[in-house]
Amino acid sequence: MSAEVPEARGPVPVTFCTIVYAGLGLPAVAAGPLVTYQGMAPAMDEFAPAAAVGCVLILAVHPRVSRRPEQAV
C-alpha cells in the first residue's frame, strides 16, 4: 500500500461538488421554463418521466469498471 499524497486529494471534493451541482442545478434549470408556462403539477408530470428516462440512459451507457481487491479503497 502506498503512502497518501496530499496533492492527490484535491480532485475528490471537486468531483463531488460538480456532481452535486449538476444533480441539483440542471434539473431546476430544465424544469423552470415548464413551471413558468404550465404551472407546477403539469410541469412535474412531464419532467419526472423525462428525468427517469435520462437516468436509465446514463446507467445504460456508464462504463462498467471492475476493480481488483488490491485497488479498492
C-alpha atoms as a PDB file:
ATOM      1  CA  MET A   1       0.000   0.000   0.000  1.00  0.00           C
ATOM      2  CA  SER A   2       1.454   3.364  -1.000  1.00  0.00           C
ATOM      3  CA  ALA A   3       1.589   6.469   1.157  1.00  0.00           C
ATOM      4  CA  GLU A   4      -1.164   9.014   0.612  1.00  0.00           C
ATOM      5  CA  VAL A   5      -0.089  12.005  -1.450  1.00  0.00           C
ATOM      6  CA  PRO A   6      -1.713  15.290  -0.295  1.00  0.00           C
ATOM      7  CA  GLU A   7      -1.796  16.643  -3.865  1.00  0.00           C
ATOM      8  CA  ALA A   8      -3.944  13.685  -4.939  1.00  0.00           C
ATOM      9  CA  ARG A   9      -6.807  14.530  -2.573  1.00  0.00           C
ATOM     10  CA  GLY A  10      -7.936  17.710  -4.348  1.00  0.00           C
ATOM     11  CA  PRO A  11      -9.890  16.161  -7.215  1.00  0.00           C
ATOM     12  CA  VAL A  12     -12.210  14.216  -4.892  1.00  0.00           C
ATOM     13  CA  PRO A  13     -14.087  17.181  -3.352  1.00  0.00           C
ATOM     14  CA  VAL A  14     -14.119  18.983  -6.694  1.00  0.00           C
ATOM     15  CA  THR A  15     -15.696  15.973  -8.372  1.00  0.00           C
ATOM     16  CA  PHE A  16     -18.248  15.630  -5.569  1.00  0.00           C
ATOM     17  CA  CYS A  17     -19.230  19.304  -5.773  1.00  0.00           C
ATOM     18  CA  THR A  18     -19.528  19.114  -9.567  1.00  0.00           C
ATOM     19  CA  ILE A  19     -21.822  16.080  -9.378  1.00  0.00           C
ATOM     20  CA  VAL A  20     -23.989  17.700  -6.691  1.00  0.00           C
ATOM     21  CA  TYR A  21     -24.184  20.959  -8.647  1.00  0.00           C
ATOM     22  CA  ALA A  22     -25.181  19.141 -11.826  1.00  0.00           C
ATOM     23  CA  GLY A  23     -27.650  16.906  -9.992  1.00  0.00           C
ATOM     24  CA  LEU A  24     -29.428  19.796  -8.291  1.00  0.00           C
ATOM     25  CA  GLY A  25     -28.900  22.690 -10.669  1.00  0.00           C
ATOM     26  CA  LEU A  26     -29.540  21.208 -14.092  1.00  0.00           C
ATOM     27  CA  PRO A  27     -32.993  19.772 -13.269  1.00  0.00           C
ATOM     28  CA  ALA A  28     -34.049  23.097 -11.719  1.00  0.00           C
ATOM     29  CA  VAL A  29     -32.951  24.999 -14.812  1.00  0.00           C
ATOM     30  CA  ALA A  30     -34.583  22.453 -17.118  1.00  0.00           C
ATOM     31  CA  ALA A  31     -37.905  22.387 -15.245  1.00  0.00           C
ATOM     32  CA  GLY A  32     -38.030  26.145 -14.627  1.00  0.00           C
ATOM     33  CA  PRO A  33     -39.451  27.148 -18.018  1.00  0.00           C
ATOM     34  CA  LEU A  34     -42.026  24.361 -17.832  1.00  0.00           C
ATOM     35  CA  VAL A  35     -43.239  25.618 -14.458  1.00  0.00           C
ATOM     36  CA  THR A  36     -43.398  29.192 -15.755  1.00  0.00           C
ATOM     37  CA  TYR A  37     -45.653  28.299 -18.679  1.00  0.00           C
ATOM     38  CA  GLN A  38     -47.678  25.369 -17.341  1.00  0.00           C
ATOM     39  CA  GLY A  39     -47.723  25.523 -13.571  1.00  0.00           C
ATOM     40  CA  MET A  40     -46.094  23.151 -11.118  1.00  0.00           C
ATOM     41  CA  ALA A  41     -48.215  19.995 -11.387  1.00  0.00           C
ATOM     42  CA  PRO A  42     -48.307  19.665 -15.196  1.00  0.00           C
ATOM     43  CA  ALA A  43     -44.622  20.542 -15.457  1.00  0.00           C
ATOM     44  CA  MET A  44     -43.628  17.847 -12.979  1.00  0.00           C
ATOM     45  CA  ASP A  45     -45.927  15.341 -14.706  1.00  0.00           C
ATOM     46  CA  GLU A  46     -43.868  15.894 -17.867  1.00  0.00           C
ATOM     47  CA  PHE A  47     -40.430  16.423 -16.330  1.00  0.00           C
ATOM     48  CA  ALA A  48     -40.332  13.432 -13.964  1.00  0.00           C
ATOM     49  CA  PRO A  49     -40.703  10.723 -16.648  1.00  0.00           C
ATOM     50  CA  ALA A  50     -38.156  12.519 -18.853  1.00  0.00           C
ATOM     51  CA  ALA A  51     -35.692  12.655 -15.954  1.00  0.00           C
ATOM     52  CA  ALA A  52     -36.273   8.962 -15.205  1.00  0.00           C
ATOM     53  CA  VAL A  53     -35.564   8.017 -18.820  1.00  0.00           C
ATOM     54  CA  GLY A  54     -32.414  10.149 -18.705  1.00  0.00           C
ATOM     55  CA  CYS A  55     -31.221   8.340 -15.580  1.00  0.00           C
ATOM     56  CA  VAL A  56     -31.814   4.939 -17.165  1.00  0.00           C
ATOM     57  CA  LEU A  57     -29.899   6.002 -20.280  1.00  0.00           C
ATOM     58  CA  ILE A  58     -26.976   7.221 -18.192  1.00  0.00           C
ATOM     59  CA  LEU A  59     -26.889   3.900 -16.349  1.00  0.00           C
ATOM     60  CA  ALA A  60     -27.004   2.032 -19.649  1.00  0.00           C
ATOM     61  CA  VAL A  61     -24.006   3.835 -21.135  1.00  0.00           C
ATOM     62  CA  HIS A  62     -21.978   4.162 -17.943  1.00  0.00           C
ATOM     63  CA  PRO A  63     -18.767   2.186 -18.278  1.00  0.00           C
ATOM     64  CA  ARG A  64     -18.516  -0.796 -16.030  1.00  0.00           C
ATOM     65  CA  VAL A  65     -15.210  -0.610 -14.203  1.00  0.00           C
ATOM     66  CA  SER A  66     -14.130  -3.653 -12.283  1.00  0.00           C
ATOM     67  CA  ARG A  67     -11.624  -3.214  -9.503  1.00  0.00           C
ATOM     68  CA  ARG A  68      -9.290  -5.795  -8.252  1.00  0.00           C
ATOM     69  CA  PRO A  69      -9.323  -6.110  -4.449  1.00  0.00           C
ATOM     70  CA  GLU A  70      -5.854  -4.598  -4.115  1.00  0.00           C
ATOM     71  CA  GLN A  71      -7.070  -1.481  -5.930  1.00  0.00           C
ATOM     72  CA  ALA A  72     -10.153  -0.956  -3.806  1.00  0.00           C
ATOM     73  CA  VAL A  73     -10.043   1.787  -1.225  1.00  0.00           C
END
